[in-house]
């Protein structure tokens, strides 16, 4: 029974490794701005991509897509940025 349990655990671990690694290899390169001040813009080559519209500040994420385009999104923070 021990051999069966050990081989089953090893098989599951290997299967999870194969599922996890291709998804990580195809991830898009991203940059995260953790403390972005209110009304700040995310700009690339003088083109505005996103703006922080929350009063407390934002967490902004910018990513290169597979086709070479760039997307950016800002998420509001729950508490204001400390000064």
N, C-alpha and C. Protein backbone atom coordinates (compact mmCIF):
# COMPACT_ATOMS: atom_id res chain seq x y z
N UNK A 1 0.81 -1.19 0.00
CA UNK A 1 0.00 0.00 0.00
C UNK A 1 0.85 1.26 0.00
N UNK A 2 2.01 1.20 0.68
CA UNK A 2 2.89 2.37 0.71
C UNK A 2 3.42 2.68 -0.67
N UNK A 3 3.81 1.66 -1.42
CA UNK A 3 4.34 1.90 -2.76
C UNK A 3 3.28 2.51 -3.66
N UNK A 4 2.05 2.02 -3.53
CA UNK A 4 0.96 2.55 -4.34
C UNK A 4 0.72 4.03 -4.01
N UNK A 5 0.70 4.36 -2.72
CA UNK A 5 0.49 5.74 -2.29
C UNK A 5 1.61 6.65 -2.73
N UNK A 6 2.86 6.16 -2.63
CA UNK A 6 4.01 6.95 -3.04
C UNK A 6 4.00 7.18 -4.55
N UNK A 7 3.70 6.13 -5.32
CA UNK A 7 3.69 6.30 -6.77
C UNK A 7 2.55 7.21 -7.21
N UNK A 8 1.42 7.14 -6.52
CA UNK A 8 0.30 8.02 -6.84
C UNK A 8 0.67 9.47 -6.55
N UNK A 9 1.30 9.74 -5.42
CA UNK A 9 1.72 11.11 -5.08
C UNK A 9 2.75 11.63 -6.08
N UNK A 10 3.69 10.78 -6.48
CA UNK A 10 4.70 11.17 -7.45
C UNK A 10 4.07 11.48 -8.81
N UNK A 11 3.12 10.66 -9.22
CA UNK A 11 2.43 10.87 -10.49
C UNK A 11 1.66 12.18 -10.48
N UNK A 12 0.95 12.47 -9.40
CA UNK A 12 0.20 13.72 -9.30
C UNK A 12 1.15 14.92 -9.30
N UNK A 13 2.27 14.81 -8.59
CA UNK A 13 3.23 15.91 -8.54
C UNK A 13 3.81 16.19 -9.93
N UNK A 14 4.15 15.14 -10.67
CA UNK A 14 4.68 15.33 -12.02
C UNK A 14 3.62 15.92 -12.95
N UNK A 15 2.39 15.45 -12.83
CA UNK A 15 1.32 15.98 -13.68
C UNK A 15 1.10 17.46 -13.37
N UNK A 16 1.12 17.85 -12.11
CA UNK A 16 0.94 19.25 -11.76
C UNK A 16 2.10 20.09 -12.29
N UNK A 17 3.30 19.54 -12.27
CA UNK A 17 4.46 20.25 -12.81
C UNK A 17 4.32 20.50 -14.30
N UNK A 18 3.81 19.52 -15.04
CA UNK A 18 3.63 19.69 -16.48
C UNK A 18 2.52 20.69 -16.79
N UNK A 19 1.50 20.71 -15.98
CA UNK A 19 0.40 21.66 -16.20
C UNK A 19 0.86 23.07 -15.84
N UNK A 20 1.62 23.21 -14.78
CA UNK A 20 2.03 24.52 -14.30
C UNK A 20 3.08 25.16 -15.20
N UNK A 21 4.08 24.40 -15.65
CA UNK A 21 5.19 25.01 -16.38
C UNK A 21 4.82 25.60 -17.74
N UNK A 22 3.99 24.95 -18.57
CA UNK A 22 3.66 25.62 -19.84
C UNK A 22 2.86 26.89 -19.63
N UNK A 23 2.00 26.93 -18.63
CA UNK A 23 1.23 28.14 -18.40
C UNK A 23 2.13 29.28 -17.95
N UNK A 24 3.18 28.98 -17.21
CA UNK A 24 4.10 30.01 -16.78
C UNK A 24 5.00 30.46 -17.92
N UNK A 25 5.33 29.58 -18.83
CA UNK A 25 6.20 29.92 -19.95
C UNK A 25 5.50 30.85 -20.93
N UNK A 26 4.18 30.77 -21.01
CA UNK A 26 3.45 31.60 -21.95
C UNK A 26 2.91 32.88 -21.32
N UNK A 27 3.35 33.20 -20.12
CA UNK A 27 2.85 34.40 -19.45
C UNK A 27 3.34 35.64 -20.16
N UNK A 28 2.51 36.66 -20.14
CA UNK A 28 2.87 37.92 -20.77
C UNK A 28 3.73 38.74 -19.82
N UNK A 29 4.76 39.44 -20.35
CA UNK A 29 5.57 40.28 -19.48
C UNK A 29 4.78 41.50 -19.01
N UNK A 30 4.75 41.71 -17.71
CA UNK A 30 3.95 42.80 -17.14
C UNK A 30 4.78 43.61 -16.15
N UNK A 31 4.36 44.86 -15.95
CA UNK A 31 4.94 45.73 -14.94
C UNK A 31 3.82 46.19 -14.03
N UNK A 32 4.09 46.22 -12.72
CA UNK A 32 3.07 46.59 -11.75
C UNK A 32 3.55 47.82 -10.98
N UNK A 33 2.73 48.87 -10.99
CA UNK A 33 2.98 50.05 -10.17
C UNK A 33 2.09 49.96 -8.95
N UNK A 34 2.67 49.71 -7.78
CA UNK A 34 1.87 49.42 -6.60
C UNK A 34 1.22 50.68 -6.03
N UNK A 35 1.96 51.76 -5.88
CA UNK A 35 1.42 52.99 -5.30
C UNK A 35 1.40 54.08 -6.36
N UNK A 36 0.32 54.16 -7.09
CA UNK A 36 0.17 55.19 -8.12
C UNK A 36 -0.76 56.25 -7.55
N UNK A 37 -0.34 57.49 -7.60
CA UNK A 37 -1.11 58.58 -7.02
C UNK A 37 -2.37 58.88 -7.83
N UNK A 38 -3.39 59.42 -7.18
CA UNK A 38 -4.64 59.75 -7.88
C UNK A 38 -4.38 60.71 -9.05
N UNK A 39 -5.09 60.48 -10.12
CA UNK A 39 -5.05 61.29 -11.34
C UNK A 39 -3.75 61.13 -12.13
N UNK A 40 -2.90 60.16 -11.77
CA UNK A 40 -1.68 59.90 -12.53
C UNK A 40 -2.03 59.11 -13.80
N UNK A 41 -1.26 59.31 -14.85
CA UNK A 41 -1.45 58.61 -16.12
C UNK A 41 -0.38 57.56 -16.31
N UNK A 42 -0.71 56.45 -16.97
CA UNK A 42 0.26 55.47 -17.44
C UNK A 42 0.47 55.80 -18.92
N UNK A 43 1.70 56.15 -19.29
CA UNK A 43 2.00 56.65 -20.63
C UNK A 43 3.09 55.79 -21.26
N UNK A 44 2.94 55.50 -22.55
CA UNK A 44 3.96 54.79 -23.33
C UNK A 44 4.11 55.51 -24.66
N UNK A 45 5.31 55.99 -24.94
CA UNK A 45 5.60 56.72 -26.20
C UNK A 45 4.59 57.85 -26.43
N UNK A 46 4.34 58.64 -25.40
CA UNK A 46 3.43 59.79 -25.42
C UNK A 46 1.97 59.44 -25.68
N UNK A 47 1.62 58.16 -25.55
CA UNK A 47 0.22 57.71 -25.67
C UNK A 47 -0.28 57.33 -24.28
N UNK A 48 -1.41 57.90 -23.90
CA UNK A 48 -1.99 57.60 -22.60
C UNK A 48 -2.70 56.25 -22.65
N UNK A 49 -2.32 55.35 -21.74
CA UNK A 49 -2.90 54.01 -21.70
C UNK A 49 -3.97 53.87 -20.62
N UNK A 50 -3.73 54.46 -19.45
CA UNK A 50 -4.67 54.34 -18.34
C UNK A 50 -4.47 55.50 -17.39
N UNK A 51 -5.49 55.76 -16.57
CA UNK A 51 -5.41 56.81 -15.57
C UNK A 51 -5.96 56.29 -14.26
N UNK A 52 -5.31 56.70 -13.17
CA UNK A 52 -5.81 56.38 -11.82
C UNK A 52 -6.90 57.38 -11.48
N UNK A 53 -8.12 56.91 -11.33
CA UNK A 53 -9.24 57.80 -11.04
C UNK A 53 -9.74 57.67 -9.61
N UNK A 54 -9.15 56.80 -8.81
CA UNK A 54 -9.58 56.60 -7.42
C UNK A 54 -9.00 57.69 -6.54
N UNK A 55 -9.73 58.08 -5.52
CA UNK A 55 -9.27 59.13 -4.62
C UNK A 55 -8.14 58.69 -3.71
N UNK A 56 -8.04 57.40 -3.41
CA UNK A 56 -7.01 56.90 -2.49
C UNK A 56 -5.73 56.48 -3.21
N UNK A 57 -5.74 56.44 -4.52
CA UNK A 57 -4.59 55.96 -5.29
C UNK A 57 -4.92 54.63 -5.94
N UNK A 58 -3.98 54.11 -6.72
CA UNK A 58 -4.25 52.89 -7.49
C UNK A 58 -3.05 51.95 -7.50
N UNK A 59 -3.34 50.75 -7.93
CA UNK A 59 -2.34 49.75 -8.31
C UNK A 59 -2.54 49.57 -9.80
N UNK A 60 -1.53 49.89 -10.60
CA UNK A 60 -1.66 49.84 -12.06
C UNK A 60 -0.81 48.71 -12.63
N UNK A 61 -1.37 48.01 -13.62
CA UNK A 61 -0.69 46.89 -14.26
C UNK A 61 -0.63 47.16 -15.76
N UNK A 62 0.57 47.07 -16.34
CA UNK A 62 0.76 47.23 -17.78
C UNK A 62 1.38 45.96 -18.33
N UNK A 63 0.83 45.44 -19.44
CA UNK A 63 1.31 44.18 -20.01
C UNK A 63 1.49 44.29 -21.52
N UNK A 64 2.52 43.61 -22.03
CA UNK A 64 2.68 43.42 -23.47
C UNK A 64 1.87 42.20 -23.86
N UNK A 65 1.04 42.32 -24.88
CA UNK A 65 0.24 41.21 -25.37
C UNK A 65 1.03 40.39 -26.38
N UNK A 66 0.51 39.24 -26.75
CA UNK A 66 1.19 38.34 -27.69
C UNK A 66 1.37 39.00 -29.06
N UNK A 67 0.46 39.90 -29.44
CA UNK A 67 0.57 40.55 -30.75
C UNK A 67 1.42 41.81 -30.72
N UNK A 68 2.05 42.12 -29.58
CA UNK A 68 2.94 43.27 -29.49
C UNK A 68 2.29 44.53 -28.95
N UNK A 69 0.98 44.54 -28.79
CA UNK A 69 0.31 45.71 -28.25
C UNK A 69 0.47 45.74 -26.73
N UNK A 70 0.17 46.89 -26.15
CA UNK A 70 0.30 47.08 -24.71
C UNK A 70 -1.06 47.45 -24.14
N UNK A 71 -1.40 46.84 -23.01
CA UNK A 71 -2.62 47.20 -22.29
C UNK A 71 -2.25 47.60 -20.87
N UNK A 72 -3.05 48.49 -20.30
CA UNK A 72 -2.82 48.93 -18.93
C UNK A 72 -4.16 49.12 -18.24
N UNK A 73 -4.20 48.78 -16.96
CA UNK A 73 -5.40 48.92 -16.15
C UNK A 73 -5.00 49.36 -14.75
N UNK A 74 -5.81 50.22 -14.14
CA UNK A 74 -5.56 50.67 -12.78
C UNK A 74 -6.69 50.21 -11.87
N UNK A 75 -6.32 49.65 -10.72
CA UNK A 75 -7.29 49.17 -9.74
C UNK A 75 -7.20 50.07 -8.50
N UNK A 76 -8.32 50.51 -7.94
CA UNK A 76 -8.29 51.40 -6.78
C UNK A 76 -7.76 50.71 -5.52
N UNK A 77 -7.03 51.48 -4.72
CA UNK A 77 -6.53 50.99 -3.44
C UNK A 77 -7.61 51.15 -2.38
N UNK A 78 -7.57 50.28 -1.38
CA UNK A 78 -8.56 50.34 -0.29
C UNK A 78 -8.26 51.46 0.68
N UNK A 79 -6.98 51.82 0.84
CA UNK A 79 -6.58 52.88 1.78
C UNK A 79 -5.67 53.86 1.05
N UNK A 80 -5.63 55.12 1.49
CA UNK A 80 -4.77 56.10 0.84
C UNK A 80 -3.29 55.75 0.96
N UNK A 81 -2.51 56.28 0.04
CA UNK A 81 -1.07 56.09 0.05
C UNK A 81 -0.47 56.94 1.19
N UNK A 82 0.36 56.35 2.08
CA UNK A 82 0.96 57.15 3.15
C UNK A 82 1.95 58.17 2.59
N UNK A 83 2.02 59.30 3.24
CA UNK A 83 2.95 60.36 2.77
C UNK A 83 4.21 60.36 3.57
